[in-house]
Amino acid sequence: MLKLNLNSIRSVVQNMNLASERKLRAAEKALIEGGLKVKADAVKITPLDLSNLRGSAYTLWAGGGAIQSQFFGEIAARLASEQGQVLNDKRNRIADSRRRGTLMVIVGFTAYYALYVHENVGANFKTPGTQAKYLALPLQRNATAIKQLVIAAMRAA
């Protein structure tokens, strides 16, 4: 006859839940680190005029974020206003994903013309080292490293 001690089972389940929570926190921290790296790499190759596009870069995660918010010239007020709207929308997306049990880090640019510049592959940008696909390329270049970072963080937790 097999006898199970209910308190022992509860203890095992609690320890498993704590371990899972530690692993999730470690994975999220690694994702945030990866997102910040992608953003930093993206900003370096983002086309530069008044620097408003670079100034609209952000990385968001549940409970936090790293936001540039540096705008200049005639469109500065518009960019700042629209940035607030975009970031609120993204924060809501992150909160929704968190409620579903999904970790999410979002990297992007809030300037209203960011998509046009990003997709303008044939453009001849004035600043050396800048280019179209300034977000997609750093994401592609860092994808494997981010995945490895998350795996290593979860194993270590």
Protein backbone atom coordinates (compact mmCIF):
# COMPACT_ATOMS: atom_id res chain seq x y z
CA MET A 1 0.00 0.00 0.00
CA LEU A 2 1.31 3.44 -0.98
CA LYS A 3 0.79 6.25 1.50
CA LEU A 4 1.34 9.84 0.43
CA ASN A 5 1.90 12.59 2.88
CA LEU A 6 -0.20 15.52 1.69
CA ASN A 7 2.15 18.06 3.29
CA SER A 8 5.12 16.56 1.43
CA ILE A 9 3.26 16.79 -1.86
CA ARG A 10 2.32 20.41 -1.17
CA SER A 11 5.95 21.18 -0.35
CA VAL A 12 7.18 19.60 -3.58
CA VAL A 13 4.58 21.52 -5.63
CA GLN A 14 5.50 24.80 -3.91
CA ASN A 15 9.19 24.22 -4.60
CA MET A 16 8.43 23.44 -8.25
CA ASN A 17 6.39 26.65 -8.52
CA LEU A 18 9.22 28.68 -6.98
CA ALA A 19 11.73 27.13 -9.37
CA SER A 20 9.44 27.88 -12.34
CA GLU A 21 8.99 31.46 -11.19
CA ARG A 22 12.78 31.92 -10.85
CA LYS A 23 13.27 30.54 -14.34
CA LEU A 24 10.62 32.88 -15.76
CA ARG A 25 12.20 35.90 -14.06
CA ALA A 26 15.62 34.86 -15.39
CA ALA A 27 14.20 34.43 -18.90
CA GLU A 28 12.52 37.82 -18.76
CA LYS A 29 15.73 39.49 -17.57
CA ALA A 30 17.60 37.88 -20.47
CA LEU A 31 14.91 39.01 -22.94
CA ILE A 32 15.16 42.56 -21.61
CA GLU A 33 18.95 42.48 -21.99
CA GLY A 34 18.51 41.21 -25.55
CA GLY A 35 15.92 43.88 -26.35
CA LEU A 36 18.19 46.63 -25.07
CA LYS A 37 21.04 45.27 -27.22
CA VAL A 38 18.83 45.21 -30.32
CA LYS A 39 17.72 48.79 -29.65
CA ALA A 40 21.29 50.00 -29.12
CA ASP A 41 22.45 48.33 -32.34
CA ALA A 42 19.43 49.65 -34.23
CA VAL A 43 19.97 53.25 -33.12
CA LYS A 44 23.58 53.13 -34.38
CA ILE A 45 22.47 52.40 -37.96
CA THR A 46 19.22 54.40 -37.98
CA PRO A 47 19.29 57.15 -40.62
CA LEU A 48 20.06 60.51 -39.10
CA ASP A 49 18.59 63.87 -40.04
CA LEU A 50 17.57 65.88 -36.99
CA SER A 51 17.93 62.69 -34.92
CA ASN A 52 14.19 62.53 -34.27
CA LEU A 53 13.92 59.01 -35.62
CA ARG A 54 16.72 57.83 -33.34
CA GLY A 55 15.11 59.82 -30.55
CA SER A 56 11.92 57.81 -30.89
CA ALA A 57 13.59 54.44 -30.13
CA TYR A 58 12.23 52.41 -27.24
CA THR A 59 12.41 49.05 -25.50
CA LEU A 60 9.45 48.09 -23.30
CA TRP A 61 8.79 45.19 -20.95
CA ALA A 62 6.33 44.42 -18.17
CA GLY A 63 6.82 47.07 -15.51
CA GLY A 64 9.53 49.02 -17.28
CA GLY A 65 11.19 50.39 -20.34
CA ALA A 66 14.00 52.36 -21.88
CA ILE A 67 12.72 55.24 -23.96
CA GLN A 68 14.77 57.85 -25.84
CA SER A 69 12.23 60.76 -26.10
CA GLN A 70 14.52 63.34 -27.68
CA PHE A 71 12.83 65.40 -30.39
CA PHE A 72 13.86 68.56 -32.22
CA GLY A 73 12.52 70.99 -34.80
CA GLU A 74 9.02 71.80 -36.01
CA ILE A 75 7.63 68.31 -35.54
CA ALA A 76 8.96 67.78 -31.99
CA ALA A 77 5.59 68.37 -30.30
CA ARG A 78 3.79 66.00 -32.67
CA LEU A 79 6.41 63.29 -32.18
CA ALA A 80 6.24 63.58 -28.38
CA SER A 81 2.44 63.43 -28.39
CA GLU A 82 2.27 60.45 -30.71
CA GLN A 83 5.01 58.68 -28.76
CA GLY A 84 2.85 58.70 -25.66
CA GLN A 85 -0.03 57.11 -27.56
CA VAL A 86 2.16 54.44 -29.17
CA LEU A 87 3.87 53.53 -25.91
CA ASN A 88 0.55 53.23 -24.06
CA ASP A 89 -0.70 50.86 -26.75
CA LYS A 90 2.47 48.76 -26.53
CA ARG A 91 2.31 48.67 -22.71
CA ASN A 92 -1.26 47.39 -22.96
CA ARG A 93 -0.10 44.66 -25.36
CA ILE A 94 2.62 43.63 -22.93
CA ALA A 95 0.14 43.57 -20.02
CA ASP A 96 -2.25 41.41 -22.07
CA SER A 97 0.52 38.98 -22.96
CA ARG A 98 1.62 38.84 -19.33
CA ARG A 99 -1.93 37.92 -18.26
CA ARG A 100 -1.81 35.07 -20.77
CA GLY A 101 1.49 33.91 -19.27
CA THR A 102 3.67 35.09 -22.15
CA LEU A 103 6.86 37.07 -21.72
CA MET A 104 7.21 39.99 -24.12
CA VAL A 105 9.77 42.68 -24.80
CA ILE A 106 9.00 45.17 -27.57
CA VAL A 107 11.65 47.18 -29.41
CA GLY A 108 10.65 49.86 -31.87
CA PHE A 109 10.52 53.46 -33.01
CA THR A 110 7.54 55.74 -32.43
CA ALA A 111 8.18 58.40 -35.10
CA TYR A 112 5.25 58.41 -37.53
CA TYR A 113 7.61 58.04 -40.49
CA ALA A 114 9.72 55.21 -38.99
CA LEU A 115 8.13 52.48 -41.12
CA TYR A 116 8.65 54.46 -44.34
CA VAL A 117 12.35 55.00 -43.59
CA HIS A 118 12.80 51.40 -42.41
CA GLU A 119 11.40 49.99 -45.64
CA ASN A 120 13.07 52.51 -48.00
CA VAL A 121 15.75 50.06 -49.16
CA GLY A 122 16.71 52.07 -52.25
CA ALA A 123 17.34 55.31 -50.37
CA ASN A 124 20.73 57.00 -50.34
CA PHE A 125 21.02 58.04 -46.69
CA LYS A 126 23.42 60.93 -46.05
CA THR A 127 25.05 59.69 -42.84
CA PRO A 128 27.65 56.95 -43.42
CA GLY A 129 26.79 53.65 -41.74
CA THR A 130 23.06 54.28 -41.68
CA GLN A 131 20.58 52.24 -43.67
CA ALA A 132 17.07 50.97 -44.19
CA LYS A 133 16.00 47.88 -42.22
CA TYR A 134 17.72 49.48 -39.22
CA LEU A 135 15.57 47.45 -36.78
CA ALA A 136 15.17 44.17 -38.68
CA LEU A 137 18.91 43.68 -39.23
CA PRO A 138 19.99 44.04 -35.56
CA LEU A 139 17.15 41.74 -34.56
CA GLN A 140 18.29 39.12 -37.07
CA ARG A 141 21.93 39.50 -36.04
CA ASN A 142 21.15 39.13 -32.35
CA ALA A 143 18.39 36.48 -32.48
CA THR A 144 20.63 33.47 -31.86
CA ALA A 145 22.56 35.23 -29.09
CA ILE A 146 19.31 36.27 -27.37
CA LYS A 147 17.98 32.72 -27.57
CA GLN A 148 21.22 31.39 -26.05
CA LEU A 149 21.10 34.10 -23.37
CA VAL A 150 17.56 33.07 -22.37
CA ILE A 151 18.46 29.36 -22.30
CA ALA A 152 21.57 30.00 -20.20
CA ALA A 153 19.65 32.23 -17.78
CA MET A 154 16.93 29.65 -17.29
CA ARG A 155 19.45 26.86 -16.72
CA ALA A 156 21.29 28.96 -14.16
CA ALA A 157 18.09 29.89 -12.28
